[in-house]
Amino acid sequence: MTTTCECSPAAGSATCELNAPPRQTASCPTCGTSGKRVGLQTVKALVSISLRQVHASSFWFCRSQYCPVVYFAADNGQTLTVNQIRERVYQKEPDRPDVLVCYCFQYRVGDIQRALPEARAAVIADIKAGIAADQCACDVRNPQGSCCLGNVQQVAKRVELT
């Protein structure tokens, strides 16, 4: 089941990442987790190494919290780890309050965890307004290469359940 998240196609997805239908995948060579294809522009924008060291034309995103690999290339085996990425990656540190969960509008996990219910709703409304105003660039700024609204909503839901 998918849920429309009001993300523009420019945000990298027509549906929230957490509710997206399965797509063609490849497995991370380090942990075996099924990856999600990401655009080469996303990888180039987020690596902290020389682009001369990026040897593949297509990459996959490893979502496993327990694996140091962020991106991998199925065709040549290249991996790019958390130490080679400019941003800390929400999927790798989902419980760290200082990690961004919304890369375009700069919301951190802790911002949502500490917020009262009305403030959490306001954060989600703010992100939706930014998406509607075409102010997001999730396809480039978010390491997963697609809209982060699903991630934000997941953090908010976890807080409500505790």
N, C-alpha and C. Protein backbone atom coordinates (compact mmCIF):
# COMPACT_ATOMS: atom_id res chain seq x y z
N MET A 1 0.84 -1.18 0.00
CA MET A 1 0.00 0.00 0.00
C MET A 1 0.88 1.23 0.00
N THR A 2 0.54 2.20 -0.84
CA THR A 2 1.31 3.43 -0.88
C THR A 2 0.43 4.58 -0.41
N THR A 3 1.08 5.58 0.12
CA THR A 3 0.40 6.76 0.59
C THR A 3 1.00 7.96 -0.10
N THR A 4 0.16 8.73 -0.78
CA THR A 4 0.66 9.92 -1.42
C THR A 4 1.12 10.89 -0.35
N CYS A 5 2.32 11.44 -0.55
CA CYS A 5 2.87 12.31 0.49
C CYS A 5 2.95 13.75 0.04
N GLU A 6 2.35 14.06 -1.07
CA GLU A 6 2.32 15.42 -1.59
C GLU A 6 3.68 15.89 -2.08
N CYS A 7 4.61 14.97 -2.24
CA CYS A 7 5.94 15.32 -2.75
C CYS A 7 5.85 15.54 -4.25
N SER A 8 6.55 16.54 -4.72
CA SER A 8 6.59 16.75 -6.16
C SER A 8 7.52 15.72 -6.77
N PRO A 9 7.34 15.38 -8.04
CA PRO A 9 8.27 14.45 -8.68
C PRO A 9 9.71 14.94 -8.57
N ALA A 10 9.91 16.25 -8.51
CA ALA A 10 11.27 16.79 -8.37
C ALA A 10 11.89 16.42 -7.03
N ALA A 11 11.07 16.06 -6.05
CA ALA A 11 11.58 15.67 -4.74
C ALA A 11 12.15 14.26 -4.77
N GLY A 12 12.00 13.58 -5.88
CA GLY A 12 12.60 12.26 -6.02
C GLY A 12 11.62 11.12 -5.88
N SER A 13 10.37 11.39 -5.61
CA SER A 13 9.40 10.31 -5.46
C SER A 13 8.00 10.89 -5.47
N ALA A 14 7.07 10.12 -6.01
CA ALA A 14 5.67 10.52 -5.96
C ALA A 14 5.00 10.01 -4.70
N THR A 15 5.68 9.14 -3.98
CA THR A 15 5.14 8.60 -2.73
C THR A 15 6.22 8.65 -1.67
N CYS A 16 5.81 8.63 -0.42
CA CYS A 16 6.79 8.63 0.66
C CYS A 16 7.66 7.39 0.58
N GLU A 17 8.91 7.57 0.88
CA GLU A 17 9.90 6.49 0.82
C GLU A 17 9.46 5.25 1.59
N LEU A 18 8.90 5.44 2.78
CA LEU A 18 8.56 4.29 3.62
C LEU A 18 7.39 3.50 3.08
N ASN A 19 6.58 4.09 2.22
CA ASN A 19 5.40 3.42 1.70
C ASN A 19 5.49 3.13 0.21
N ALA A 20 6.66 3.30 -0.36
CA ALA A 20 6.83 3.12 -1.79
C ALA A 20 6.75 1.65 -2.17
N PRO A 21 6.20 1.36 -3.36
CA PRO A 21 6.17 -0.03 -3.80
C PRO A 21 7.58 -0.52 -4.10
N PRO A 22 7.81 -1.82 -4.01
CA PRO A 22 9.14 -2.33 -4.29
C PRO A 22 9.54 -2.06 -5.75
N ARG A 23 10.80 -1.76 -5.94
CA ARG A 23 11.33 -1.50 -7.27
C ARG A 23 12.47 -2.47 -7.52
N GLN A 24 13.04 -2.38 -8.71
CA GLN A 24 14.21 -3.21 -9.02
C GLN A 24 15.27 -2.96 -7.95
N THR A 25 15.90 -4.00 -7.46
CA THR A 25 16.86 -3.84 -6.38
C THR A 25 18.15 -4.61 -6.65
N ALA A 26 19.12 -4.29 -5.86
CA ALA A 26 20.38 -5.02 -5.79
C ALA A 26 20.71 -5.12 -4.32
N SER A 27 21.50 -6.10 -3.96
CA SER A 27 21.83 -6.30 -2.54
C SER A 27 23.17 -5.69 -2.19
N CYS A 28 23.21 -5.07 -1.02
CA CYS A 28 24.45 -4.48 -0.52
C CYS A 28 25.49 -5.59 -0.39
N PRO A 29 26.69 -5.38 -0.94
CA PRO A 29 27.72 -6.40 -0.86
C PRO A 29 28.25 -6.63 0.55
N THR A 30 28.01 -5.70 1.46
CA THR A 30 28.52 -5.84 2.82
C THR A 30 27.52 -6.54 3.73
N CYS A 31 26.24 -6.14 3.68
CA CYS A 31 25.26 -6.70 4.62
C CYS A 31 24.17 -7.52 3.96
N GLY A 32 24.03 -7.43 2.64
CA GLY A 32 23.00 -8.20 1.94
C GLY A 32 21.64 -7.55 1.90
N THR A 33 21.49 -6.37 2.51
CA THR A 33 20.21 -5.66 2.49
C THR A 33 19.88 -5.23 1.07
N SER A 34 18.62 -5.36 0.72
CA SER A 34 18.16 -4.92 -0.58
C SER A 34 18.27 -3.40 -0.66
N GLY A 35 18.93 -2.89 -1.70
CA GLY A 35 19.14 -1.46 -1.84
C GLY A 35 18.07 -0.78 -2.65
N LYS A 36 18.09 0.53 -2.64
CA LYS A 36 17.18 1.37 -3.42
C LYS A 36 18.03 2.20 -4.37
N ARG A 37 17.67 2.17 -5.63
CA ARG A 37 18.44 2.94 -6.62
C ARG A 37 18.37 4.43 -6.30
N VAL A 38 19.52 5.09 -6.42
CA VAL A 38 19.58 6.54 -6.23
C VAL A 38 20.26 7.15 -7.45
N GLY A 39 19.95 8.39 -7.71
CA GLY A 39 20.55 9.07 -8.84
C GLY A 39 22.02 9.37 -8.63
N LEU A 40 22.76 9.33 -9.70
CA LEU A 40 24.19 9.63 -9.63
C LEU A 40 24.43 11.04 -9.12
N GLN A 41 23.55 11.97 -9.44
CA GLN A 41 23.69 13.35 -8.97
C GLN A 41 23.63 13.41 -7.44
N THR A 42 22.78 12.58 -6.84
CA THR A 42 22.69 12.52 -5.38
C THR A 42 24.02 12.08 -4.80
N VAL A 43 24.57 11.01 -5.35
CA VAL A 43 25.84 10.47 -4.85
C VAL A 43 26.94 11.52 -5.01
N LYS A 44 27.03 12.12 -6.18
CA LYS A 44 28.07 13.12 -6.42
C LYS A 44 27.95 14.31 -5.47
N ALA A 45 26.72 14.70 -5.16
CA ALA A 45 26.50 15.85 -4.28
C ALA A 45 26.86 15.54 -2.83
N LEU A 46 26.75 14.29 -2.44
CA LEU A 46 26.90 13.96 -1.02
C LEU A 46 28.22 13.31 -0.63
N VAL A 47 29.00 12.84 -1.60
CA VAL A 47 30.28 12.24 -1.20
C VAL A 47 31.28 13.31 -0.79
N SER A 48 32.13 12.96 0.15
CA SER A 48 33.16 13.89 0.62
C SER A 48 34.52 13.54 0.03
N ILE A 49 34.53 12.63 -0.89
CA ILE A 49 35.77 12.23 -1.55
C ILE A 49 35.82 12.88 -2.94
N SER A 50 36.98 12.81 -3.56
CA SER A 50 37.10 13.33 -4.93
C SER A 50 36.17 12.56 -5.85
N LEU A 51 35.52 13.28 -6.75
CA LEU A 51 34.64 12.61 -7.70
C LEU A 51 35.42 11.71 -8.65
N ARG A 52 36.73 11.87 -8.71
CA ARG A 52 37.55 10.95 -9.50
C ARG A 52 37.54 9.54 -8.92
N GLN A 53 37.15 9.44 -7.65
CA GLN A 53 37.10 8.14 -6.99
C GLN A 53 35.73 7.46 -7.14
N VAL A 54 34.79 8.12 -7.76
CA VAL A 54 33.46 7.55 -7.98
C VAL A 54 33.50 6.85 -9.33
N HIS A 55 33.48 5.51 -9.29
CA HIS A 55 33.75 4.72 -10.50
C HIS A 55 32.54 4.04 -11.11
N ALA A 56 31.37 4.33 -10.68
CA ALA A 56 30.18 3.67 -11.23
C ALA A 56 29.22 4.72 -11.77
N SER A 57 28.35 4.28 -12.64
CA SER A 57 27.36 5.21 -13.19
C SER A 57 26.00 5.03 -12.54
N SER A 58 25.83 3.95 -11.79
CA SER A 58 24.57 3.79 -11.06
C SER A 58 24.86 3.22 -9.68
N PHE A 59 24.15 3.80 -8.71
CA PHE A 59 24.36 3.42 -7.32
C PHE A 59 23.04 3.04 -6.66
N TRP A 60 23.19 2.33 -5.56
CA TRP A 60 22.07 1.91 -4.73
C TRP A 60 22.32 2.41 -3.32
N PHE A 61 21.25 2.69 -2.60
CA PHE A 61 21.31 3.17 -1.23
C PHE A 61 21.06 2.00 -0.29
N CYS A 62 21.96 1.78 0.68
CA CYS A 62 21.78 0.73 1.69
C CYS A 62 21.11 1.35 2.90
N ARG A 63 19.91 0.88 3.21
CA ARG A 63 19.11 1.44 4.30
C ARG A 63 19.43 0.84 5.66
N SER A 64 20.24 -0.20 5.71
CA SER A 64 20.49 -0.89 6.97
C SER A 64 21.19 0.01 7.98
N GLN A 65 20.60 0.11 9.15
CA GLN A 65 21.18 0.90 10.22
C GLN A 65 22.51 0.31 10.68
N TYR A 66 22.69 -0.95 10.51
CA TYR A 66 23.85 -1.65 11.07
C TYR A 66 24.98 -1.85 10.07
N CYS A 67 24.87 -1.27 8.90
CA CYS A 67 25.89 -1.42 7.86
C CYS A 67 26.54 -0.05 7.61
N PRO A 68 27.87 0.00 7.49
CA PRO A 68 28.53 1.27 7.24
C PRO A 68 28.40 1.77 5.79
N VAL A 69 27.93 0.92 4.90
CA VAL A 69 27.79 1.30 3.49
C VAL A 69 26.56 2.18 3.32
N VAL A 70 26.75 3.31 2.64
CA VAL A 70 25.62 4.17 2.30
C VAL A 70 25.22 3.91 0.85
N TYR A 71 26.20 3.91 -0.05
CA TYR A 71 25.95 3.68 -1.47
C TYR A 71 26.81 2.52 -1.96
N PHE A 72 26.27 1.76 -2.88
CA PHE A 72 27.05 0.70 -3.51
C PHE A 72 26.67 0.59 -4.97
N ALA A 73 27.62 0.14 -5.76
CA ALA A 73 27.41 -0.08 -7.19
C ALA A 73 27.34 -1.58 -7.43
N ALA A 74 26.25 -2.02 -8.00
CA ALA A 74 26.08 -3.46 -8.23
C ALA A 74 26.99 -3.96 -9.34
N ASP A 75 27.33 -3.09 -10.28
CA ASP A 75 28.10 -3.55 -11.44
C ASP A 75 29.60 -3.71 -11.17
N ASN A 76 30.16 -2.88 -10.29
CA ASN A 76 31.61 -2.98 -10.08
C ASN A 76 32.01 -3.20 -8.62
N GLY A 77 31.03 -3.28 -7.73
CA GLY A 77 31.32 -3.57 -6.33
C GLY A 77 31.79 -2.39 -5.50
N GLN A 78 31.85 -1.19 -6.07
CA GLN A 78 32.29 -0.03 -5.30
C GLN A 78 31.30 0.25 -4.18
N THR A 79 31.84 0.58 -3.01
CA THR A 79 31.01 0.98 -1.89
C THR A 79 31.49 2.33 -1.37
N LEU A 80 30.54 3.11 -0.89
CA LEU A 80 30.83 4.40 -0.27
C LEU A 80 30.22 4.34 1.12
N THR A 81 31.04 4.56 2.13
CA THR A 81 30.60 4.37 3.51
C THR A 81 30.25 5.70 4.18
N VAL A 82 29.73 5.59 5.40
CA VAL A 82 29.33 6.78 6.16
C VAL A 82 30.49 7.76 6.32
N ASN A 83 31.71 7.28 6.35
CA ASN A 83 32.88 8.15 6.49
C ASN A 83 33.21 8.90 5.21
N GLN A 84 32.55 8.55 4.11
CA GLN A 84 32.81 9.20 2.82
C GLN A 84 31.65 10.08 2.37
N ILE A 85 30.71 10.34 3.27
CA ILE A 85 29.51 11.12 2.95
C ILE A 85 29.55 12.43 3.75
N ARG A 86 29.16 13.52 3.11
CA ARG A 86 29.19 14.85 3.74
C ARG A 86 28.20 15.00 4.89
N GLU A 87 27.06 14.36 4.78
CA GLU A 87 25.99 14.47 5.79
C GLU A 87 25.92 13.18 6.59
N ARG A 88 25.52 13.30 7.83
CA ARG A 88 25.18 12.09 8.58
C ARG A 88 23.86 11.58 8.01
N VAL A 89 23.72 10.29 7.98
CA VAL A 89 22.59 9.67 7.28
C VAL A 89 21.56 9.18 8.28
N TYR A 90 20.34 9.69 8.17
CA TYR A 90 19.27 9.35 9.09
C TYR A 90 19.10 7.84 9.23
N GLN A 91 19.07 7.11 8.14
CA GLN A 91 18.83 5.66 8.20
C GLN A 91 19.94 4.93 8.96
N LYS A 92 21.11 5.50 9.02
CA LYS A 92 22.22 4.88 9.75
C LYS A 92 22.21 5.22 11.23
N GLU A 93 21.57 6.34 11.59
CA GLU A 93 21.53 6.78 12.99
C GLU A 93 20.13 7.31 13.33
N PRO A 94 19.10 6.48 13.16
CA PRO A 94 17.72 6.99 13.31
C PRO A 94 17.33 7.43 14.72
N ASP A 95 18.09 7.04 15.71
CA ASP A 95 17.74 7.40 17.09
C ASP A 95 18.60 8.52 17.65
N ARG A 96 19.51 9.05 16.86
CA ARG A 96 20.39 10.14 17.32
C ARG A 96 19.65 11.47 17.17
N PRO A 97 19.45 12.19 18.25
CA PRO A 97 18.69 13.44 18.18
C PRO A 97 19.32 14.52 17.32
N ASP A 98 20.64 14.47 17.11
CA ASP A 98 21.30 15.53 16.35
C ASP A 98 21.43 15.23 14.86
N VAL A 99 20.83 14.14 14.38
CA VAL A 99 20.90 13.78 12.96
C VAL A 99 19.70 14.37 12.23
N LEU A 100 19.96 14.93 11.05
CA LEU A 100 18.87 15.46 10.24
C LEU A 100 17.95 14.33 9.79
N VAL A 101 16.66 14.60 9.83
CA VAL A 101 15.69 13.68 9.24
C VAL A 101 15.05 14.37 8.03
N CYS A 102 15.09 15.69 8.02
CA CYS A 102 14.64 16.49 6.87
C CYS A 102 15.81 17.35 6.43
N TYR A 103 16.39 17.00 5.31
CA TYR A 103 17.62 17.65 4.85
C TYR A 103 17.36 18.99 4.17
N CYS A 104 16.19 19.17 3.62
CA CYS A 104 15.88 20.43 2.93
C CYS A 104 15.52 21.55 3.90
N PHE A 105 14.77 21.21 4.94
CA PHE A 105 14.29 22.23 5.87
C PHE A 105 14.94 22.13 7.24
N GLN A 106 15.97 21.30 7.34
CA GLN A 106 16.87 21.24 8.49
C GLN A 106 16.20 20.83 9.80
N TYR A 107 15.31 19.86 9.76
CA TYR A 107 14.73 19.32 10.99
C TYR A 107 15.53 18.11 11.43
N ARG A 108 15.85 18.06 12.69
CA ARG A 108 16.61 16.95 13.27
C ARG A 108 15.66 16.01 14.02
N VAL A 109 16.11 14.79 14.20
CA VAL A 109 15.32 13.80 14.93
C VAL A 109 14.90 14.36 16.28
N GLY A 110 15.82 14.97 17.00
CA GLY A 110 15.53 15.51 18.32
C GLY A 110 14.49 16.62 18.30
N ASP A 111 14.45 17.40 17.21
CA ASP A 111 13.43 18.45 17.10
C ASP A 111 12.03 17.85 17.18
N ILE A 112 11.87 16.73 16.53
CA ILE A 112 10.57 16.06 16.49
C ILE A 112 10.32 15.30 17.79
N GLN A 113 11.36 14.66 18.32
CA GLN A 113 11.20 13.90 19.56
C GLN A 113 10.83 14.80 20.74
N ARG A 114 11.39 16.00 20.81
CA ARG A 114 11.14 16.90 21.93
C ARG A 114 9.85 17.71 21.78
N ALA A 115 9.33 17.78 20.59
CA ALA A 115 8.19 18.65 20.32
C ALA A 115 6.89 18.10 20.90
N LEU A 116 6.04 19.01 21.31
CA LEU A 116 4.68 18.66 21.71
C LEU A 116 3.91 18.24 20.46
N PRO A 117 2.80 17.52 20.61
CA PRO A 117 2.05 17.06 19.43
C PRO A 117 1.71 18.17 18.43
N GLU A 118 1.32 19.34 18.93
CA GLU A 118 0.98 20.44 18.02
C GLU A 118 2.20 20.89 17.23
N ALA A 119 3.34 20.91 17.88
CA ALA A 119 4.57 21.33 17.22
C ALA A 119 5.02 20.29 16.19
N ARG A 120 4.82 19.00 16.49
CA ARG A 120 5.15 17.96 15.50
C ARG A 120 4.27 18.12 14.27
N ALA A 121 3.01 18.38 14.49
CA ALA A 121 2.09 18.61 13.38
C ALA A 121 2.51 19.84 12.58
N ALA A 122 2.99 20.87 13.27
CA ALA A 122 3.45 22.09 12.60
C ALA A 122 4.69 21.82 11.74
N VAL A 123 5.59 20.96 12.23
CA VAL A 123 6.78 20.60 11.45
C VAL A 123 6.35 19.91 10.17
N ILE A 124 5.44 18.96 10.27
CA ILE A 124 4.97 18.23 9.08
C ILE A 124 4.27 19.20 8.13
N ALA A 125 3.45 20.10 8.67
CA ALA A 125 2.77 21.09 7.83
C ALA A 125 3.79 22.01 7.15
N ASP A 126 4.84 22.38 7.86
CA ASP A 126 5.89 23.24 7.29
C ASP A 126 6.59 22.54 6.13
N ILE A 127 6.90 21.27 6.31
CA ILE A 127 7.56 20.51 5.24
C ILE A 127 6.63 20.40 4.03
N LYS A 128 5.36 20.09 4.27
CA LYS A 128 4.39 19.99 3.17
C LYS A 128 4.28 21.33 2.43
N ALA A 129 4.28 22.44 3.18
CA ALA A 129 4.20 23.76 2.55
C ALA A 129 5.45 24.02 1.71
N GLY A 130 6.61 23.63 2.21
CA GLY A 130 7.85 23.78 1.44
C GLY A 130 7.83 22.95 0.16
N ILE A 131 7.29 21.74 0.26
CA ILE A 131 7.17 20.89 -0.93
C ILE A 131 6.23 21.54 -1.93
N ALA A 132 5.08 22.01 -1.45
CA ALA A 132 4.09 22.66 -2.32
C ALA A 132 4.67 23.91 -2.99
N ALA A 133 5.55 24.60 -2.29
CA ALA A 133 6.18 25.82 -2.84
C ALA A 133 7.40 25.48 -3.70
N ASP A 134 7.64 24.20 -3.94
CA ASP A 134 8.77 23.73 -4.75
C ASP A 134 10.11 24.21 -4.18
N GLN A 135 10.21 24.16 -2.84
CA GLN A 135 11.43 24.59 -2.16
C GLN A 135 12.29 23.42 -1.70
N CYS A 136 11.89 22.20 -2.01
CA CYS A 136 12.68 21.06 -1.55
C CYS A 136 13.56 20.56 -2.70
N ALA A 137 14.59 19.85 -2.29
CA ALA A 137 15.52 19.23 -3.26
C ALA A 137 15.94 17.88 -2.70
N CYS A 138 14.95 17.11 -2.25
CA CYS A 138 15.23 15.82 -1.61
C CYS A 138 16.02 14.89 -2.52
N ASP A 139 15.80 14.99 -3.82
CA ASP A 139 16.50 14.10 -4.74
C ASP A 139 18.01 14.32 -4.69
N VAL A 140 18.46 15.48 -4.22
CA VAL A 140 19.90 15.76 -4.14
C VAL A 140 20.37 15.88 -2.69
N ARG A 141 19.58 16.48 -1.83
CA ARG A 141 20.04 16.75 -0.45
C ARG A 141 19.86 15.57 0.50
N ASN A 142 18.86 14.74 0.25
CA ASN A 142 18.58 13.60 1.13
C ASN A 142 19.40 12.41 0.65
N PRO A 143 20.22 11.80 1.49
CA PRO A 143 21.04 10.67 1.05
C PRO A 143 20.25 9.53 0.42
N GLN A 144 18.99 9.34 0.81
CA GLN A 144 18.20 8.27 0.20
C GLN A 144 17.73 8.64 -1.21
N GLY A 145 17.92 9.89 -1.59
CA GLY A 145 17.61 10.33 -2.96
C GLY A 145 16.15 10.56 -3.25
N SER A 146 15.31 10.60 -2.21
CA SER A 146 13.89 10.84 -2.41
C SER A 146 13.32 11.55 -1.19
N CYS A 147 12.04 11.85 -1.26
CA CYS A 147 11.37 12.65 -0.24
C CYS A 147 11.57 12.10 1.17
N CYS A 148 11.82 13.00 2.11
CA CYS A 148 12.05 12.63 3.51
C CYS A 148 10.79 12.71 4.35
N LEU A 149 9.70 13.18 3.81
CA LEU A 149 8.49 13.37 4.62
C LEU A 149 8.05 12.08 5.30
N GLY A 150 8.18 10.96 4.62
CA GLY A 150 7.83 9.68 5.24
C GLY A 150 8.69 9.38 6.45
N ASN A 151 9.97 9.73 6.37
CA ASN A 151 10.88 9.54 7.51
C ASN A 151 10.45 10.42 8.69
N VAL A 152 10.11 11.67 8.40
CA VAL A 152 9.67 12.61 9.44
C VAL A 152 8.40 12.08 10.11
N GLN A 153 7.47 11.62 9.29
CA GLN A 153 6.23 11.09 9.84
C GLN A 153 6.48 9.84 10.68
N GLN A 154 7.44 9.02 10.28
CA GLN A 154 7.79 7.83 11.05
C GLN A 154 8.35 8.21 12.42
N VAL A 155 9.23 9.21 12.47
CA VAL A 155 9.77 9.66 13.75
C VAL A 155 8.63 10.18 14.63
N ALA A 156 7.74 10.98 14.06
CA ALA A 156 6.62 11.52 14.82
C ALA A 156 5.72 10.40 15.35
N LYS A 157 5.50 9.40 14.55
CA LYS A 157 4.65 8.28 14.97
C LYS A 157 5.31 7.49 16.11
N ARG A 158 6.62 7.28 16.02
CA ARG A 158 7.34 6.57 17.09
C ARG A 158 7.22 7.33 18.41
N VAL A 159 7.29 8.67 18.34
CA VAL A 159 7.17 9.48 19.55
C VAL A 159 5.77 9.32 20.14
N GLU A 160 4.77 9.31 19.30
CA GLU A 160 3.38 9.18 19.77
C GLU A 160 3.14 7.83 20.43
N LEU A 161 3.84 6.80 19.98
CA LEU A 161 3.64 5.45 20.51
C LEU A 161 4.38 5.22 21.83
N THR A 162 5.30 6.12 22.18
CA THR A 162 6.06 5.93 23.42
C THR A 162 5.44 6.68 24.58
